[in-house]
N, C-alpha and C. Protein backbone atom coordinates (compact mmCIF):
# COMPACT_ATOMS: atom_id res chain seq x y z
N MET A 1 67.20 38.37 -1.56
CA MET A 1 66.85 37.25 -2.32
C MET A 1 65.47 37.40 -2.85
N ALA A 2 65.28 37.25 -4.15
CA ALA A 2 64.00 37.38 -4.88
C ALA A 2 63.34 36.09 -5.05
N ILE A 3 61.98 36.02 -4.78
CA ILE A 3 61.24 34.76 -4.95
C ILE A 3 60.63 34.74 -6.34
N SER A 4 60.67 33.65 -6.97
CA SER A 4 60.24 33.54 -8.31
C SER A 4 58.77 33.16 -8.29
N HIS A 5 57.97 33.94 -8.95
CA HIS A 5 56.49 33.61 -9.06
C HIS A 5 56.12 32.96 -10.39
N LYS A 6 57.13 32.33 -11.00
CA LYS A 6 56.98 31.79 -12.35
C LYS A 6 56.03 30.52 -12.16
N TYR A 7 56.16 29.73 -11.13
CA TYR A 7 55.39 28.45 -11.10
C TYR A 7 54.18 28.54 -10.21
N ARG A 8 53.84 29.66 -9.71
CA ARG A 8 52.71 29.88 -8.76
C ARG A 8 51.41 29.79 -9.59
N GLN A 9 50.40 28.99 -9.14
CA GLN A 9 49.16 28.81 -9.87
C GLN A 9 48.17 29.94 -9.33
N CYS A 10 47.59 30.61 -10.29
CA CYS A 10 46.65 31.69 -9.89
C CYS A 10 45.25 31.39 -10.13
N ALA A 11 44.80 30.38 -10.89
CA ALA A 11 43.47 30.06 -11.09
C ALA A 11 43.29 28.47 -11.21
N MET A 12 42.02 28.09 -11.22
CA MET A 12 41.75 26.67 -11.36
C MET A 12 41.91 26.26 -12.85
N THR A 13 42.30 25.00 -13.16
CA THR A 13 42.34 24.67 -14.45
C THR A 13 41.03 24.02 -14.90
N LEU A 14 40.82 23.86 -16.15
CA LEU A 14 39.57 23.34 -16.67
C LEU A 14 39.31 21.86 -16.23
N ILE A 15 40.45 21.14 -16.05
CA ILE A 15 40.22 19.73 -15.62
C ILE A 15 39.73 19.68 -14.20
N GLU A 16 40.21 20.53 -13.37
CA GLU A 16 39.60 20.68 -11.96
C GLU A 16 38.17 21.01 -11.97
N VAL A 17 37.80 21.89 -12.79
CA VAL A 17 36.42 22.32 -12.83
C VAL A 17 35.56 21.16 -13.38
N MET A 18 35.99 20.37 -14.35
CA MET A 18 35.26 19.28 -14.91
C MET A 18 35.10 18.12 -13.86
N VAL A 19 36.15 17.84 -13.08
CA VAL A 19 36.12 16.85 -12.11
C VAL A 19 35.17 17.20 -10.95
N ALA A 20 35.10 18.48 -10.51
CA ALA A 20 34.23 18.96 -9.52
C ALA A 20 32.74 18.83 -10.06
N THR A 21 32.59 19.24 -11.36
CA THR A 21 31.24 19.07 -11.91
C THR A 21 30.75 17.68 -11.97
N LEU A 22 31.66 16.78 -12.31
CA LEU A 22 31.30 15.38 -12.38
C LEU A 22 30.90 14.83 -11.03
N ILE A 23 31.68 15.14 -9.95
CA ILE A 23 31.40 14.75 -8.59
C ILE A 23 30.05 15.31 -8.21
N LEU A 24 29.76 16.60 -8.46
CA LEU A 24 28.56 17.24 -8.04
C LEU A 24 27.36 16.58 -8.73
N SER A 25 27.49 16.40 -10.00
CA SER A 25 26.35 15.84 -10.78
C SER A 25 26.02 14.37 -10.43
N SER A 26 27.03 13.54 -10.10
CA SER A 26 26.74 12.24 -9.64
C SER A 26 26.15 12.19 -8.34
N GLY A 27 26.48 13.09 -7.43
CA GLY A 27 25.87 13.16 -6.16
C GLY A 27 24.40 13.63 -6.26
N LEU A 28 24.13 14.64 -7.14
CA LEU A 28 22.75 14.96 -7.33
C LEU A 28 21.96 13.91 -7.97
N LEU A 29 22.49 13.12 -8.84
CA LEU A 29 21.72 12.02 -9.53
C LEU A 29 21.46 10.92 -8.48
N GLY A 30 22.43 10.70 -7.57
CA GLY A 30 22.25 9.60 -6.55
C GLY A 30 21.12 10.12 -5.57
N ALA A 31 21.07 11.41 -5.21
CA ALA A 31 20.03 11.92 -4.31
C ALA A 31 18.67 11.87 -4.94
N ALA A 32 18.54 12.19 -6.30
CA ALA A 32 17.34 12.03 -6.98
C ALA A 32 16.85 10.58 -7.02
N ALA A 33 17.80 9.64 -7.22
CA ALA A 33 17.37 8.16 -7.27
C ALA A 33 16.84 7.80 -5.77
N VAL A 34 17.46 8.18 -4.72
CA VAL A 34 17.02 7.87 -3.51
C VAL A 34 15.62 8.52 -3.20
N GLN A 35 15.44 9.70 -3.65
CA GLN A 35 14.12 10.37 -3.45
C GLN A 35 13.05 9.66 -4.26
N LEU A 36 13.27 9.13 -5.48
CA LEU A 36 12.31 8.43 -6.24
C LEU A 36 12.06 7.08 -5.48
N SER A 37 12.96 6.42 -5.06
CA SER A 37 12.74 5.21 -4.38
C SER A 37 11.93 5.39 -3.08
N ALA A 38 12.19 6.52 -2.36
CA ALA A 38 11.37 6.73 -1.16
C ALA A 38 9.90 7.02 -1.52
N LEU A 39 9.66 7.75 -2.62
CA LEU A 39 8.33 8.06 -3.08
C LEU A 39 7.57 6.82 -3.40
N LYS A 40 8.23 5.85 -3.98
CA LYS A 40 7.61 4.52 -4.42
C LYS A 40 7.18 3.77 -3.12
N HIS A 41 8.12 3.67 -2.19
CA HIS A 41 7.84 2.97 -0.96
C HIS A 41 6.78 3.69 -0.09
N THR A 42 6.77 5.00 -0.10
CA THR A 42 5.76 5.73 0.65
C THR A 42 4.43 5.49 0.02
N ASP A 43 4.26 5.50 -1.25
CA ASP A 43 2.97 5.26 -1.94
C ASP A 43 2.50 3.80 -1.63
N SER A 44 3.39 2.86 -1.55
CA SER A 44 3.10 1.47 -1.26
C SER A 44 2.64 1.37 0.20
N ALA A 45 3.31 2.07 1.13
CA ALA A 45 2.93 2.04 2.52
C ALA A 45 1.53 2.76 2.65
N LEU A 46 1.26 3.79 1.93
CA LEU A 46 -0.06 4.43 2.02
C LEU A 46 -1.17 3.39 1.64
N MET A 47 -0.88 2.76 0.47
CA MET A 47 -1.91 1.74 0.06
C MET A 47 -2.12 0.66 1.12
N THR A 48 -1.00 0.18 1.73
CA THR A 48 -1.24 -0.83 2.68
C THR A 48 -1.97 -0.36 3.93
N SER A 49 -1.73 0.91 4.30
CA SER A 49 -2.36 1.52 5.47
C SER A 49 -3.88 1.67 5.11
N GLN A 50 -4.23 2.04 3.97
CA GLN A 50 -5.65 2.22 3.50
C GLN A 50 -6.34 0.93 3.62
N ALA A 51 -5.65 -0.19 3.02
CA ALA A 51 -6.23 -1.50 3.01
C ALA A 51 -6.49 -2.02 4.39
N SER A 52 -5.60 -1.68 5.33
CA SER A 52 -5.73 -2.07 6.73
C SER A 52 -6.96 -1.40 7.31
N PHE A 53 -7.13 -0.15 6.99
CA PHE A 53 -8.29 0.64 7.54
C PHE A 53 -9.58 0.04 7.13
N ILE A 54 -9.59 -0.30 5.79
CA ILE A 54 -10.83 -0.89 5.21
C ILE A 54 -11.15 -2.22 5.87
N ALA A 55 -10.07 -3.07 6.10
CA ALA A 55 -10.28 -4.42 6.62
C ALA A 55 -10.73 -4.28 8.05
N TYR A 56 -10.07 -3.40 8.89
CA TYR A 56 -10.52 -3.25 10.24
C TYR A 56 -11.91 -2.66 10.40
N GLY A 57 -12.20 -1.76 9.44
CA GLY A 57 -13.56 -1.15 9.45
C GLY A 57 -14.69 -2.29 9.27
N MET A 58 -14.37 -3.21 8.31
CA MET A 58 -15.33 -4.22 8.02
C MET A 58 -15.38 -5.26 9.17
N LEU A 59 -14.19 -5.44 9.82
CA LEU A 59 -14.15 -6.40 11.01
C LEU A 59 -15.08 -5.77 12.11
N ASP A 60 -15.00 -4.48 12.34
CA ASP A 60 -15.81 -3.84 13.37
C ASP A 60 -17.32 -4.04 13.03
N ARG A 61 -17.61 -3.97 11.78
CA ARG A 61 -19.04 -4.18 11.43
C ARG A 61 -19.44 -5.63 11.66
N VAL A 62 -18.68 -6.56 11.36
CA VAL A 62 -18.94 -7.95 11.55
C VAL A 62 -19.10 -8.26 13.04
N ARG A 63 -18.17 -7.65 13.84
CA ARG A 63 -18.31 -7.81 15.34
C ARG A 63 -19.59 -7.19 15.88
N ALA A 64 -20.00 -6.14 15.30
CA ALA A 64 -21.09 -5.34 15.75
C ALA A 64 -22.48 -6.16 15.39
N ASN A 65 -22.42 -7.04 14.47
CA ASN A 65 -23.65 -7.73 13.98
C ASN A 65 -23.22 -9.20 13.72
N GLU A 66 -22.77 -9.83 14.86
CA GLU A 66 -22.22 -11.24 14.72
C GLU A 66 -23.20 -12.25 14.21
N GLN A 67 -24.49 -11.96 14.39
CA GLN A 67 -25.51 -13.02 13.98
C GLN A 67 -25.61 -13.02 12.49
N ALA A 68 -25.24 -12.07 11.75
CA ALA A 68 -25.44 -11.99 10.28
C ALA A 68 -24.29 -12.83 9.63
N ASP A 69 -24.64 -13.14 8.31
CA ASP A 69 -23.70 -14.00 7.57
C ASP A 69 -22.99 -12.96 6.59
N TYR A 70 -21.80 -12.64 6.89
CA TYR A 70 -20.95 -11.57 6.11
C TYR A 70 -20.16 -12.27 5.03
N ARG A 71 -20.34 -13.51 4.70
CA ARG A 71 -19.48 -14.09 3.68
C ARG A 71 -19.64 -13.32 2.35
N TYR A 72 -18.46 -12.94 1.80
CA TYR A 72 -18.60 -12.19 0.60
C TYR A 72 -17.30 -12.31 -0.16
N SER A 73 -17.33 -12.11 -1.48
CA SER A 73 -16.26 -12.12 -2.39
C SER A 73 -16.58 -11.08 -3.48
N SER A 74 -15.72 -10.13 -3.73
CA SER A 74 -15.97 -9.13 -4.78
C SER A 74 -15.94 -9.74 -6.13
N SER A 75 -15.36 -10.88 -6.28
CA SER A 75 -15.38 -11.58 -7.59
C SER A 75 -16.76 -12.07 -7.94
N ASP A 76 -17.61 -12.26 -6.94
CA ASP A 76 -19.00 -12.77 -7.24
C ASP A 76 -19.80 -11.64 -7.83
N GLY A 77 -19.48 -10.41 -7.49
CA GLY A 77 -20.16 -9.31 -8.15
C GLY A 77 -21.34 -8.71 -7.30
N ALA A 78 -22.29 -9.57 -7.21
CA ALA A 78 -23.56 -9.09 -6.55
C ALA A 78 -23.42 -9.13 -5.04
N VAL A 79 -24.19 -8.14 -4.49
CA VAL A 79 -24.18 -8.05 -2.94
C VAL A 79 -25.59 -8.53 -2.62
N PRO A 80 -25.61 -9.37 -1.59
CA PRO A 80 -27.01 -9.83 -1.20
C PRO A 80 -27.83 -8.78 -0.61
N SER A 81 -29.10 -8.93 -0.79
CA SER A 81 -30.07 -7.86 -0.24
C SER A 81 -30.27 -8.23 1.18
N GLY A 82 -30.90 -7.24 1.85
CA GLY A 82 -31.27 -7.49 3.24
C GLY A 82 -30.51 -6.51 4.19
N ALA A 83 -30.41 -6.91 5.48
CA ALA A 83 -29.71 -6.07 6.46
C ALA A 83 -28.30 -5.84 6.14
N LEU A 84 -27.69 -6.74 5.55
CA LEU A 84 -26.25 -6.73 5.26
C LEU A 84 -25.82 -5.78 4.11
N ASN A 85 -26.90 -5.45 3.28
CA ASN A 85 -26.72 -4.76 2.08
C ASN A 85 -25.77 -3.47 2.30
N GLN A 86 -26.10 -2.70 3.23
CA GLN A 86 -25.38 -1.43 3.45
C GLN A 86 -23.94 -1.73 3.76
N ASP A 87 -23.67 -2.69 4.65
CA ASP A 87 -22.26 -2.89 5.15
C ASP A 87 -21.46 -3.43 3.89
N LEU A 88 -22.03 -4.40 3.17
CA LEU A 88 -21.29 -5.04 2.08
C LEU A 88 -21.12 -4.09 0.96
N ASN A 89 -22.12 -3.19 0.65
CA ASN A 89 -22.00 -2.24 -0.42
C ASN A 89 -20.92 -1.17 -0.04
N ASP A 90 -20.86 -0.80 1.25
CA ASP A 90 -19.82 0.16 1.67
C ASP A 90 -18.43 -0.49 1.45
N PHE A 91 -18.37 -1.83 1.87
CA PHE A 91 -17.08 -2.52 1.68
C PHE A 91 -16.65 -2.58 0.22
N LYS A 92 -17.62 -2.96 -0.59
CA LYS A 92 -17.36 -3.00 -2.04
C LYS A 92 -16.94 -1.65 -2.61
N ARG A 93 -17.64 -0.60 -2.23
CA ARG A 93 -17.29 0.73 -2.76
C ARG A 93 -15.92 1.17 -2.19
N ALA A 94 -15.60 0.90 -0.89
CA ALA A 94 -14.34 1.26 -0.33
C ALA A 94 -13.19 0.56 -1.09
N ILE A 95 -13.34 -0.64 -1.44
CA ILE A 95 -12.43 -1.42 -2.20
C ILE A 95 -12.10 -0.83 -3.60
N PHE A 96 -13.24 -0.42 -4.22
CA PHE A 96 -13.18 0.12 -5.54
C PHE A 96 -12.40 1.55 -5.47
N GLU A 97 -12.81 2.28 -4.57
CA GLU A 97 -12.25 3.68 -4.44
C GLU A 97 -10.81 3.52 -4.04
N PHE A 98 -10.41 2.52 -3.27
CA PHE A 98 -9.07 2.31 -2.77
C PHE A 98 -8.10 1.86 -3.94
N GLY A 99 -8.52 0.85 -4.63
CA GLY A 99 -7.60 0.18 -5.56
C GLY A 99 -8.04 0.14 -7.00
N GLY A 100 -9.17 0.69 -7.25
CA GLY A 100 -9.71 0.70 -8.67
C GLY A 100 -10.38 -0.62 -9.03
N GLU A 101 -10.56 -0.78 -10.24
CA GLU A 101 -11.31 -2.08 -10.67
C GLU A 101 -10.51 -3.32 -10.50
N SER A 102 -9.25 -3.23 -10.46
CA SER A 102 -8.39 -4.43 -10.23
C SER A 102 -8.32 -4.95 -8.83
N ALA A 103 -8.76 -4.12 -7.76
CA ALA A 103 -8.75 -4.49 -6.39
C ALA A 103 -9.89 -5.49 -6.12
N THR A 104 -9.56 -6.43 -5.29
CA THR A 104 -10.59 -7.45 -4.84
C THR A 104 -10.59 -7.52 -3.34
N GLY A 105 -11.70 -7.98 -2.86
CA GLY A 105 -11.92 -8.30 -1.43
C GLY A 105 -12.71 -9.47 -1.15
N MET A 106 -12.37 -10.06 0.00
CA MET A 106 -13.20 -11.30 0.32
C MET A 106 -13.32 -11.36 1.84
N ILE A 107 -14.49 -11.78 2.33
CA ILE A 107 -14.74 -11.96 3.76
C ILE A 107 -15.11 -13.43 3.85
N ALA A 108 -14.35 -14.23 4.62
CA ALA A 108 -14.60 -15.63 4.90
C ALA A 108 -14.92 -15.77 6.39
N VAL A 109 -16.06 -16.43 6.67
CA VAL A 109 -16.40 -16.69 8.04
C VAL A 109 -16.51 -18.18 8.24
N THR A 110 -15.61 -18.70 9.12
CA THR A 110 -15.67 -20.17 9.47
C THR A 110 -15.58 -20.33 11.00
N ASP A 111 -16.51 -21.19 11.39
CA ASP A 111 -16.57 -21.42 12.93
C ASP A 111 -16.54 -20.03 13.67
N ARG A 112 -15.53 -19.90 14.46
CA ARG A 112 -15.41 -18.65 15.32
C ARG A 112 -14.38 -17.65 14.66
N GLU A 113 -14.04 -17.78 13.39
CA GLU A 113 -12.95 -16.94 12.81
C GLU A 113 -13.47 -16.22 11.55
N VAL A 114 -13.12 -14.99 11.50
CA VAL A 114 -13.45 -14.18 10.35
C VAL A 114 -12.13 -13.81 9.73
N SER A 115 -11.98 -13.98 8.38
CA SER A 115 -10.83 -13.59 7.59
C SER A 115 -11.17 -12.62 6.53
N ILE A 116 -10.61 -11.44 6.51
CA ILE A 116 -10.91 -10.40 5.52
C ILE A 116 -9.59 -10.23 4.69
N THR A 117 -9.75 -10.44 3.47
CA THR A 117 -8.58 -10.32 2.49
C THR A 117 -8.81 -9.27 1.46
N LEU A 118 -7.85 -8.38 1.24
CA LEU A 118 -7.85 -7.36 0.18
C LEU A 118 -6.58 -7.62 -0.73
N GLU A 119 -6.81 -7.51 -1.95
CA GLU A 119 -5.69 -7.66 -2.93
C GLU A 119 -5.81 -6.51 -3.98
N TRP A 120 -4.66 -5.86 -4.28
CA TRP A 120 -4.69 -4.76 -5.18
C TRP A 120 -3.35 -4.69 -5.94
N SER A 121 -3.38 -3.90 -7.03
CA SER A 121 -2.18 -3.80 -7.95
C SER A 121 -1.13 -2.90 -7.30
N ASP A 122 0.07 -3.38 -7.23
CA ASP A 122 1.16 -2.64 -6.62
C ASP A 122 2.36 -2.57 -7.53
N ALA A 123 2.05 -2.42 -8.81
CA ALA A 123 3.07 -2.45 -9.88
C ALA A 123 4.12 -1.27 -9.73
N ARG A 124 3.59 -0.19 -9.18
CA ARG A 124 4.51 1.03 -9.05
C ARG A 124 5.70 0.70 -8.11
N ARG A 125 5.37 0.04 -7.00
CA ARG A 125 6.50 -0.26 -6.08
C ARG A 125 7.34 -1.31 -6.59
N ALA A 126 6.74 -2.39 -7.09
CA ALA A 126 7.56 -3.55 -7.54
C ALA A 126 8.17 -3.33 -8.97
N SER A 127 7.83 -2.32 -9.65
CA SER A 127 8.36 -2.01 -10.87
C SER A 127 8.09 -3.21 -11.91
N GLN A 128 6.98 -3.79 -11.74
CA GLN A 128 6.56 -4.95 -12.58
C GLN A 128 5.12 -4.79 -12.91
N ILE A 129 4.77 -5.03 -14.16
CA ILE A 129 3.37 -5.00 -14.59
C ILE A 129 2.68 -6.13 -14.03
N GLY A 130 1.58 -5.95 -13.38
CA GLY A 130 0.74 -7.07 -12.84
C GLY A 130 1.17 -7.46 -11.48
N ALA A 131 2.11 -6.74 -10.78
CA ALA A 131 2.49 -7.07 -9.38
C ALA A 131 1.36 -6.82 -8.50
N ARG A 132 1.00 -7.72 -7.58
CA ARG A 132 -0.12 -7.60 -6.67
C ARG A 132 0.40 -7.59 -5.21
N GLN A 133 -0.40 -6.89 -4.35
CA GLN A 133 -0.10 -6.85 -2.93
C GLN A 133 -1.38 -7.42 -2.25
N THR A 134 -1.16 -8.13 -1.17
CA THR A 134 -2.31 -8.70 -0.43
C THR A 134 -2.14 -8.45 1.00
N ILE A 135 -3.28 -8.25 1.73
CA ILE A 135 -3.29 -8.03 3.16
C ILE A 135 -4.52 -8.95 3.63
N THR A 136 -4.29 -9.70 4.70
CA THR A 136 -5.26 -10.56 5.22
C THR A 136 -5.38 -10.24 6.73
N LEU A 137 -6.56 -10.00 7.17
CA LEU A 137 -6.82 -9.72 8.63
C LEU A 137 -7.71 -10.86 9.09
N THR A 138 -7.30 -11.50 10.07
CA THR A 138 -8.03 -12.78 10.65
C THR A 138 -8.22 -12.40 12.14
N SER A 139 -9.54 -12.68 12.61
CA SER A 139 -9.85 -12.50 14.05
C SER A 139 -10.84 -13.47 14.50
N GLN A 140 -10.92 -13.61 15.72
CA GLN A 140 -11.87 -14.54 16.31
C GLN A 140 -13.18 -13.74 16.66
N ILE A 141 -14.32 -14.51 16.65
CA ILE A 141 -15.61 -13.91 17.10
C ILE A 141 -16.02 -14.72 18.28
N ALA A 142 -16.83 -14.07 19.18
CA ALA A 142 -17.38 -14.70 20.25
C ALA A 142 -18.12 -16.04 19.93
N ALA A 143 -17.93 -17.06 20.70
CA ALA A 143 -18.60 -18.32 20.41
C ALA A 143 -20.05 -18.35 20.66
N ASP A 144 -20.50 -17.56 21.72
CA ASP A 144 -21.96 -17.52 21.95
C ASP A 144 -22.67 -16.80 20.89
N ALA A 145 -22.14 -15.84 20.19
CA ALA A 145 -22.87 -15.10 19.10
C ALA A 145 -23.12 -16.08 17.95
N LEU A 146 -22.10 -16.95 17.61
CA LEU A 146 -22.28 -17.88 16.52
C LEU A 146 -23.24 -18.99 16.86
N ALA A 147 -23.32 -19.35 18.11
CA ALA A 147 -24.28 -20.44 18.48
C ALA A 147 -25.71 -19.94 18.40
N THR A 148 -25.95 -18.73 18.62
CA THR A 148 -27.28 -18.11 18.46
C THR A 148 -27.67 -17.98 17.00
N ALA A 149 -26.72 -17.68 16.17
CA ALA A 149 -26.91 -17.47 14.72
C ALA A 149 -27.27 -18.86 13.99
N SER A 150 -26.78 -19.96 14.49
CA SER A 150 -27.05 -21.19 13.89
C SER A 150 -28.36 -21.70 13.99
């Protein structure tokens, strides 16, 4: 009995190649989109970490010199002269290096509480022009240090 080889397929058809190419290309595009999204969020997380380091660094300076008046807003522009000049100039420079000219910082001191707020442009992560990100660090200061400063 002889077996007929008339209907046996010997090679892939063009349609099979096109379908395989379509599946491969859509998978590669999906992987590229995931990678782009990860890069955006990584950059945003880096900015948040840097802002946190700046705020904690300034909080350490306030705690080290609790008798001084550290109230500050970068929107005021000028840094007061005196013993605080170096700390506040460093704070202002760190904000500028971190977020550029659009970044702002503020230190608010009330009673026993210090609040440090940083705000910067985060348009890359949000995919919106003018999107802003804010971090606020609030901490208590020893009551006896403030009593001697008054």
